[in-house]
């Protein structure tokens, strides 16, 4: 819908995830996308030593991505 192509989508091994993040027991899912001259990466902790929190956007540590569009309601409807 956003014109991005998924280049790579996989879960990383716990050994790799722990080495990269320094988080004991971490296991990551990493997705790489490209389009419009950009490269975009999403990273999700599938497992880790942290706790599950409510995902309210005002919580410390929450992430947000914004997109500029001329038709917000149309994009939302799609």
PDB file of N, CA and C in Angstrom:
ATOM      1  N   UNK A   1       0.817  -1.190   0.000  1.00  0.00           N
ATOM      2  CA  UNK A   1       0.000   0.000   0.000  1.00  0.00           C
ATOM      3  C   UNK A   1       0.867   1.262   0.000  1.00  0.00           C
ATOM      4  N   UNK A   2       2.008   1.217   0.653  1.00  0.00           N
ATOM      5  CA  UNK A   2       2.881   2.390   0.713  1.00  0.00           C
ATOM      6  C   UNK A   2       3.942   2.380  -0.377  1.00  0.00           C
ATOM      7  N   UNK A   3       3.901   1.371  -1.224  1.00  0.00           N
ATOM      8  CA  UNK A   3       4.864   1.320  -2.318  1.00  0.00           C
ATOM      9  C   UNK A   3       6.243   0.848  -1.891  1.00  0.00           C
ATOM     10  N   UNK A   4       6.326   0.135  -0.787  1.00  0.00           N
ATOM     11  CA  UNK A   4       7.596  -0.414  -0.328  1.00  0.00           C
ATOM     12  C   UNK A   4       7.653  -1.898  -0.655  1.00  0.00           C
ATOM     13  N   UNK A   5       8.843  -2.366  -0.990  1.00  0.00           N
ATOM     14  CA  UNK A   5       9.062  -3.770  -1.285  1.00  0.00           C
ATOM     15  C   UNK A   5       9.786  -4.413  -0.113  1.00  0.00           C
ATOM     16  N   UNK A   6       9.256  -5.520   0.390  1.00  0.00           N
ATOM     17  CA  UNK A   6       9.926  -6.245   1.463  1.00  0.00           C
ATOM     18  C   UNK A   6      11.122  -6.964   0.859  1.00  0.00           C
ATOM     19  N   UNK A   7      12.312  -6.600   1.323  1.00  0.00           N
ATOM     20  CA  UNK A   7      13.549  -7.193   0.827  1.00  0.00           C
ATOM     21  C   UNK A   7      13.973  -8.389   1.681  1.00  0.00           C
ATOM     22  N   UNK A   8      13.631  -8.336   2.962  1.00  0.00           N
ATOM     23  CA  UNK A   8      14.123  -9.348   3.893  1.00  0.00           C
ATOM     24  C   UNK A   8      13.205  -9.367   5.096  1.00  0.00           C
ATOM     25  N   UNK A   9      12.785 -10.538   5.546  1.00  0.00           N
ATOM     26  CA  UNK A   9      11.929 -10.676   6.719  1.00  0.00           C
ATOM     27  C   UNK A   9      12.294 -11.993   7.394  1.00  0.00           C
ATOM     28  N   UNK A  10      12.950 -11.902   8.544  1.00  0.00           N
ATOM     29  CA  UNK A  10      13.308 -13.143   9.221  1.00  0.00           C
ATOM     30  C   UNK A  10      13.517 -12.915  10.702  1.00  0.00           C
ATOM     31  N   UNK A  11      13.428 -14.010  11.454  1.00  0.00           N
ATOM     32  CA  UNK A  11      13.770 -13.985  12.863  1.00  0.00           C
ATOM     33  C   UNK A  11      15.246 -14.324  12.982  1.00  0.00           C
ATOM     34  N   UNK A  12      15.939 -13.571  13.823  1.00  0.00           N
ATOM     35  CA  UNK A  12      17.364 -13.803  14.041  1.00  0.00           C
ATOM     36  C   UNK A  12      17.548 -14.783  15.188  1.00  0.00           C
ATOM     37  N   UNK A  13      18.664 -15.472  15.177  1.00  0.00           N
ATOM     38  CA  UNK A  13      18.940 -16.444  16.237  1.00  0.00           C
ATOM     39  C   UNK A  13      19.138 -15.723  17.568  1.00  0.00           C
ATOM     40  N   UNK A  14      18.863 -16.410  18.668  1.00  0.00           N
ATOM     41  CA  UNK A  14      19.110 -15.792  19.970  1.00  0.00           C
ATOM     42  C   UNK A  14      20.569 -15.361  20.148  1.00  0.00           C
ATOM     43  N   UNK A  15      21.516 -16.137  19.627  1.00  0.00           N
ATOM     44  CA  UNK A  15      22.927 -15.778  19.751  1.00  0.00           C
ATOM     45  C   UNK A  15      23.214 -14.450  19.059  1.00  0.00           C
ATOM     46  N   UNK A  16      22.722 -14.276  17.832  1.00  0.00           N
ATOM     47  CA  UNK A  16      22.908 -13.024  17.094  1.00  0.00           C
ATOM     48  C   UNK A  16      22.197 -11.885  17.811  1.00  0.00           C
ATOM     49  N   UNK A  17      20.949 -12.123  18.217  1.00  0.00           N
ATOM     50  CA  UNK A  17      20.141 -11.086  18.847  1.00  0.00           C
ATOM     51  C   UNK A  17      20.783 -10.587  20.138  1.00  0.00           C
ATOM     52  N   UNK A  18      21.271 -11.511  20.953  1.00  0.00           N
ATOM     53  CA  UNK A  18      21.921 -11.131  22.198  1.00  0.00           C
ATOM     54  C   UNK A  18      23.201 -10.344  21.935  1.00  0.00           C
ATOM     55  N   UNK A  19      23.979 -10.768  20.937  1.00  0.00           N
ATOM     56  CA  UNK A  19      25.239 -10.087  20.625  1.00  0.00           C
ATOM     57  C   UNK A  19      24.997  -8.660  20.130  1.00  0.00           C
ATOM     58  N   UNK A  20      23.969  -8.467  19.322  1.00  0.00           N
ATOM     59  CA  UNK A  20      23.686  -7.147  18.745  1.00  0.00           C
ATOM     60  C   UNK A  20      23.064  -6.201  19.770  1.00  0.00           C
ATOM     61  N   UNK A  21      22.169  -6.719  20.609  1.00  0.00           N
ATOM     62  CA  UNK A  21      21.425  -5.853  21.529  1.00  0.00           C
ATOM     63  C   UNK A  21      22.019  -5.783  22.937  1.00  0.00           C
ATOM     64  N   UNK A  22      22.778  -6.802  23.315  1.00  0.00           N
ATOM     65  CA  UNK A  22      23.274  -6.869  24.679  1.00  0.00           C
ATOM     66  C   UNK A  22      22.195  -7.280  25.671  1.00  0.00           C
ATOM     67  N   UNK A  23      21.056  -7.755  25.171  1.00  0.00           N
ATOM     68  CA  UNK A  23      19.923  -8.155  26.013  1.00  0.00           C
ATOM     69  C   UNK A  23      19.904  -9.674  26.119  1.00  0.00           C
ATOM     70  N   UNK A  24      20.052 -10.175  27.344  1.00  0.00           N
ATOM     71  CA  UNK A  24      20.025 -11.623  27.562  1.00  0.00           C
ATOM     72  C   UNK A  24      18.671 -12.189  27.160  1.00  0.00           C
ATOM     73  N   UNK A  25      18.684 -13.278  26.400  1.00  0.00           N
ATOM     74  CA  UNK A  25      17.448 -13.940  25.997  1.00  0.00           C
ATOM     75  C   UNK A  25      16.716 -13.264  24.857  1.00  0.00           C
ATOM     76  N   UNK A  26      17.338 -12.257  24.254  1.00  0.00           N
ATOM     77  CA  UNK A  26      16.670 -11.540  23.160  1.00  0.00           C
ATOM     78  C   UNK A  26      16.556 -12.414  21.922  1.00  0.00           C
ATOM     79  N   UNK A  27      15.453 -12.265  21.216  1.00  0.00           N
ATOM     80  CA  UNK A  27      15.262 -12.876  19.906  1.00  0.00           C
ATOM     81  C   UNK A  27      14.535 -11.843  19.067  1.00  0.00           C
ATOM     82  N   UNK A  28      15.088 -11.510  17.912  1.00  0.00           N
ATOM     83  CA  UNK A  28      14.572 -10.422  17.083  1.00  0.00           C
ATOM     84  C   UNK A  28      13.947 -10.914  15.789  1.00  0.00           C
ATOM     85  N   UNK A  29      12.957 -10.193  15.322  1.00  0.00           N
ATOM     86  CA  UNK A  29      12.452 -10.304  13.955  1.00  0.00           C
ATOM     87  C   UNK A  29      12.842  -8.997  13.282  1.00  0.00           C
ATOM     88  N   UNK A  30      13.497  -9.092  12.126  1.00  0.00           N
ATOM     89  CA  UNK A  30      13.955  -7.916  11.405  1.00  0.00           C
ATOM     90  C   UNK A  30      13.362  -7.938  10.001  1.00  0.00           C
ATOM     91  N   UNK A  31      12.791  -6.796   9.601  1.00  0.00           N
ATOM     92  CA  UNK A  31      12.216  -6.650   8.267  1.00  0.00           C
ATOM     93  C   UNK A  31      12.875  -5.440   7.596  1.00  0.00           C
ATOM     94  N   UNK A  32      13.423  -5.664   6.393  1.00  0.00           N
ATOM     95  CA  UNK A  32      14.000  -4.586   5.592  1.00  0.00           C
ATOM     96  C   UNK A  32      13.090  -4.350   4.396  1.00  0.00           C
ATOM     97  N   UNK A  33      12.763  -3.068   4.157  1.00  0.00           N
ATOM     98  CA  UNK A  33      11.921  -2.688   3.023  1.00  0.00           C
ATOM     99  C   UNK A  33      12.602  -1.549   2.272  1.00  0.00           C
ATOM    100  N   UNK A  34      12.279  -1.408   0.992  1.00  0.00           N
ATOM    101  CA  UNK A  34      12.828  -0.311   0.210  1.00  0.00           C
ATOM    102  C   UNK A  34      11.769   0.221  -0.738  1.00  0.00           C
ATOM    103  N   UNK A  35      11.961   1.461  -1.147  1.00  0.00           N
ATOM    104  CA  UNK A  35      11.064   2.106  -2.107  1.00  0.00           C
ATOM    105  C   UNK A  35      11.206   3.608  -2.006  1.00  0.00           C
ATOM    106  N   UNK A  36      10.907   4.289  -3.083  1.00  0.00           N
ATOM    107  CA  UNK A  36      10.963   5.751  -3.126  1.00  0.00           C
ATOM    108  C   UNK A  36      12.359   6.266  -2.783  1.00  0.00           C
ATOM    109  N   UNK A  37      13.396   5.496  -3.103  1.00  0.00           N
ATOM    110  CA  UNK A  37      14.766   5.898  -2.810  1.00  0.00           C
ATOM    111  C   UNK A  37      15.149   5.769  -1.346  1.00  0.00           C
ATOM    112  N   UNK A  38      14.352   5.049  -0.569  1.00  0.00           N
ATOM    113  CA  UNK A  38      14.594   4.903   0.864  1.00  0.00           C
ATOM    114  C   UNK A  38      14.794   3.440   1.236  1.00  0.00           C
ATOM    115  N   UNK A  39      15.463   3.232   2.357  1.00  0.00           N
ATOM    116  CA  UNK A  39      15.569   1.906   2.961  1.00  0.00           C
ATOM    117  C   UNK A  39      14.990   2.033   4.357  1.00  0.00           C
ATOM    118  N   UNK A  40      14.123   1.103   4.731  1.00  0.00           N
ATOM    119  CA  UNK A  40      13.380   1.177   5.992  1.00  0.00           C
ATOM    120  C   UNK A  40      13.565  -0.137   6.722  1.00  0.00           C
ATOM    121  N   UNK A  41      13.884  -0.078   8.015  1.00  0.00           N
ATOM    122  CA  UNK A  41      14.067  -1.292   8.806  1.00  0.00           C
ATOM    123  C   UNK A  41      13.130  -1.275  10.007  1.00  0.00           C
ATOM    124  N   UNK A  42      12.467  -2.391  10.240  1.00  0.00           N
ATOM    125  CA  UNK A  42      11.651  -2.593  11.439  1.00  0.00           C
ATOM    126  C   UNK A  42      12.278  -3.717  12.243  1.00  0.00           C
ATOM    127  N   UNK A  43      12.326  -3.544  13.563  1.00  0.00           N
ATOM    128  CA  UNK A  43      12.885  -4.560  14.434  1.00  0.00           C
ATOM    129  C   UNK A  43      11.887  -4.819  15.557  1.00  0.00           C
ATOM    130  N   UNK A  44      11.594  -6.087  15.801  1.00  0.00           N
ATOM    131  CA  UNK A  44      10.655  -6.477  16.845  1.00  0.00           C
ATOM    132  C   UNK A  44      11.336  -7.459  17.789  1.00  0.00           C
ATOM    133  N   UNK A  45      11.200  -7.195  19.083  1.00  0.00           N
ATOM    134  CA  UNK A  45      11.650  -8.183  20.071  1.00  0.00           C
ATOM    135  C   UNK A  45      10.574  -9.255  20.152  1.00  0.00           C
ATOM    136  N   UNK A  46      10.901 -10.458  19.681  1.00  0.00           N
ATOM    137  CA  UNK A  46       9.987 -11.592  19.756  1.00  0.00           C
ATOM    138  C   UNK A  46      10.072 -12.206  21.145  1.00  0.00           C
ATOM    139  N   UNK A  47      11.282 -12.231  21.704  1.00  0.00           N
ATOM    140  CA  UNK A  47      11.529 -12.694  23.063  1.00  0.00           C
ATOM    141  C   UNK A  47      12.574 -11.786  23.672  1.00  0.00           C
ATOM    142  N   UNK A  48      12.569 -11.705  24.988  1.00  0.00           N
ATOM    143  CA  UNK A  48      13.578 -10.897  25.654  1.00  0.00           C
ATOM    144  C   UNK A  48      13.327 -10.841  27.145  1.00  0.00           C
ATOM    145  N   UNK A  49      14.193 -10.131  27.837  1.00  0.00           N
ATOM    146  CA  UNK A  49      14.088 -10.079  29.286  1.00  0.00           C
ATOM    147  C   UNK A  49      13.190  -8.951  29.768  1.00  0.00           C
ATOM    148  N   UNK A  50      12.672  -8.153  28.848  1.00  0.00           N
ATOM    149  CA  UNK A  50      11.795  -7.051  29.230  1.00  0.00           C
ATOM    150  C   UNK A  50      10.391  -7.533  29.550  1.00  0.00           C
ATOM    151  N   UNK A  51       9.542  -6.594  29.916  1.00  0.00           N
ATOM    152  CA  UNK A  51       8.158  -6.937  30.224  1.00  0.00           C
ATOM    153  C   UNK A  51       7.240  -6.343  29.167  1.00  0.00           C
ATOM    154  N   UNK A  52       6.072  -6.943  29.014  1.00  0.00           N
ATOM    155  CA  UNK A  52       5.081  -6.421  28.079  1.00  0.00           C
ATOM    156  C   UNK A  52       4.403  -5.221  28.722  1.00  0.00           C
ATOM    157  N   UNK A  53       4.284  -4.136  27.980  1.00  0.00           N
ATOM    158  CA  UNK A  53       3.666  -2.914  28.471  1.00  0.00           C
ATOM    159  C   UNK A  53       2.512  -2.525  27.571  1.00  0.00           C
ATOM    160  N   UNK A  54       1.612  -1.709  28.106  1.00  0.00           N
ATOM    161  CA  UNK A  54       0.563  -1.137  27.270  1.00  0.00           C
ATOM    162  C   UNK A  54       1.240  -0.276  26.212  1.00  0.00           C
ATOM    163  N   UNK A  55       0.733  -0.296  25.005  1.00  0.00           N
ATOM    164  CA  UNK A  55       1.401   0.390  23.902  1.00  0.00           C
ATOM    165  C   UNK A  55       0.842   1.789  23.652  1.00  0.00           C
ATOM    166  N   UNK A  56       0.573   2.519  24.696  1.00  0.00           N
ATOM    167  CA  UNK A  56       0.120   3.896  24.556  1.00  0.00           C
ATOM    168  C   UNK A  56       1.266   4.734  24.000  1.00  0.00           C
ATOM    169  N   UNK A  57       1.012   5.615  23.044  1.00  0.00           N
ATOM    170  CA  UNK A  57       2.098   6.368  22.417  1.00  0.00           C
ATOM    171  C   UNK A  57       2.832   7.320  23.351  1.00  0.00           C
ATOM    172  N   UNK A  58       2.285   7.598  24.520  1.00  0.00           N
ATOM    173  CA  UNK A  58       2.978   8.485  25.445  1.00  0.00           C
ATOM    174  C   UNK A  58       3.853   7.740  26.450  1.00  0.00           C
ATOM    175  N   UNK A  59       3.938   6.404  26.349  1.00  0.00           N
ATOM    176  CA  UNK A  59       4.807   5.632  27.233  1.00  0.00           C
ATOM    177  C   UNK A  59       6.259   5.816  26.825  1.00  0.00           C
ATOM    178  N   UNK A  60       7.150   5.921  27.808  1.00  0.00           N
ATOM    179  CA  UNK A  60       8.576   6.009  27.526  1.00  0.00           C
ATOM    180  C   UNK A  60       9.000   4.750  26.784  1.00  0.00           C
ATOM    181  N   UNK A  61       9.738   4.931  25.710  1.00  0.00           N
ATOM    182  CA  UNK A  61      10.201   3.806  24.908  1.00  0.00           C
ATOM    183  C   UNK A  61       9.301   3.473  23.741  1.00  0.00           C
ATOM    184  N   UNK A  62       8.129   4.100  23.659  1.00  0.00           N
ATOM    185  CA  UNK A  62       7.246   3.863  22.513  1.00  0.00           C
ATOM    186  C   UNK A  62       7.876   4.452  21.259  1.00  0.00           C
ATOM    187  N   UNK A  63       7.596   3.849  20.138  1.00  0.00           N
ATOM    188  CA  UNK A  63       8.118   4.322  18.857  1.00  0.00           C
ATOM    189  C   UNK A  63       6.970   4.799  17.986  1.00  0.00           C
ATOM    190  N   UNK A  64       7.289   5.698  17.097  1.00  0.00           N
ATOM    191  CA  UNK A  64       6.267   6.240  16.199  1.00  0.00           C
ATOM    192  C   UNK A  64       6.897   6.482  14.840  1.00  0.00           C
ATOM    193  N   UNK A  65       6.135   6.228  13.802  1.00  0.00           N
ATOM    194  CA  UNK A  65       6.557   6.507  12.434  1.00  0.00           C
ATOM    195  C   UNK A  65       5.491   7.389  11.817  1.00  0.00           C
ATOM    196  N   UNK A  66       5.895   8.430  11.125  1.00  0.00           N
ATOM    197  CA  UNK A  66       4.940   9.325  10.485  1.00  0.00           C
ATOM    198  C   UNK A  66       5.118   9.336   8.979  1.00  0.00           C
ATOM    199  N   UNK A  67       4.037   9.564   8.277  1.00  0.00           N
ATOM    200  CA  UNK A  67       4.062   9.665   6.822  1.00  0.00           C
ATOM    201  C   UNK A  67       3.331  10.935   6.415  1.00  0.00           C
ATOM    202  N   UNK A  68       3.867  11.623   5.438  1.00  0.00           N
ATOM    203  CA  UNK A  68       3.228  12.826   4.909  1.00  0.00           C
ATOM    204  C   UNK A  68       2.368  12.420   3.712  1.00  0.00           C
ATOM    205  N   UNK A  69       1.114  12.872   3.723  1.00  0.00           N
ATOM    206  CA  UNK A  69       0.194  12.550   2.642  1.00  0.00           C
ATOM    207  C   UNK A  69      -0.744  13.719   2.410  1.00  0.00           C
ATOM    208  N   UNK A  70      -1.265  13.808   1.220  1.00  0.00           N
ATOM    209  CA  UNK A  70      -2.238  14.859   0.917  1.00  0.00           C
ATOM    210  C   UNK A  70      -3.675  14.388   1.167  1.00  0.00           C
ATOM    211  N   UNK A  71      -3.840  13.100   1.515  1.00  0.00           N
ATOM    212  CA  UNK A  71      -5.177  12.549   1.717  1.00  0.00           C
ATOM    213  C   UNK A  71      -5.174  11.576   2.893  1.00  0.00           C
ATOM    214  N   UNK A  72      -5.092  12.098   4.109  1.00  0.00           N
ATOM    215  CA  UNK A  72      -5.081  11.268   5.304  1.00  0.00           C
ATOM    216  C   UNK A  72      -6.283  10.357   5.427  1.00  0.00           C
ATOM    217  N   UNK A  73      -7.517  10.878   5.256  1.00  0.00           N
ATOM    218  CA  UNK A  73      -8.686  10.003   5.356  1.00  0.00           C
ATOM    219  C   UNK A  73      -8.673   8.877   4.301  1.00  0.00           C
ATOM    220  N   UNK A  74      -8.210   9.193   3.099  1.00  0.00           N
ATOM    221  CA  UNK A  74      -8.140   8.159   2.051  1.00  0.00           C
ATOM    222  C   UNK A  74      -7.120   7.096   2.374  1.00  0.00           C
ATOM    223  N   UNK A  75      -5.964   7.516   2.900  1.00  0.00           N
ATOM    224  CA  UNK A  75      -4.924   6.562   3.289  1.00  0.00           C
ATOM    225  C   UNK A  75      -5.429   5.681   4.421  1.00  0.00           C
ATOM    226  N   UNK A  76      -6.108   6.286   5.392  1.00  0.00           N
ATOM    227  CA  UNK A  76      -6.664   5.527   6.514  1.00  0.00           C
ATOM    228  C   UNK A  76      -7.692   4.510   6.005  1.00  0.00           C
ATOM    229  N   UNK A  77      -8.549   4.931   5.076  1.00  0.00           N
ATOM    230  CA  UNK A  77      -9.593   4.050   4.538  1.00  0.00           C
ATOM    231  C   UNK A  77      -8.981   2.854   3.800  1.00  0.00           C
ATOM    232  N   UNK A  78      -7.880   3.094   3.092  1.00  0.00           N
ATOM    233  CA  UNK A  78      -7.201   2.003   2.371  1.00  0.00           C
ATOM    234  C   UNK A  78      -6.617   1.004   3.333  1.00  0.00           C
TER     235      UNK A  78
END
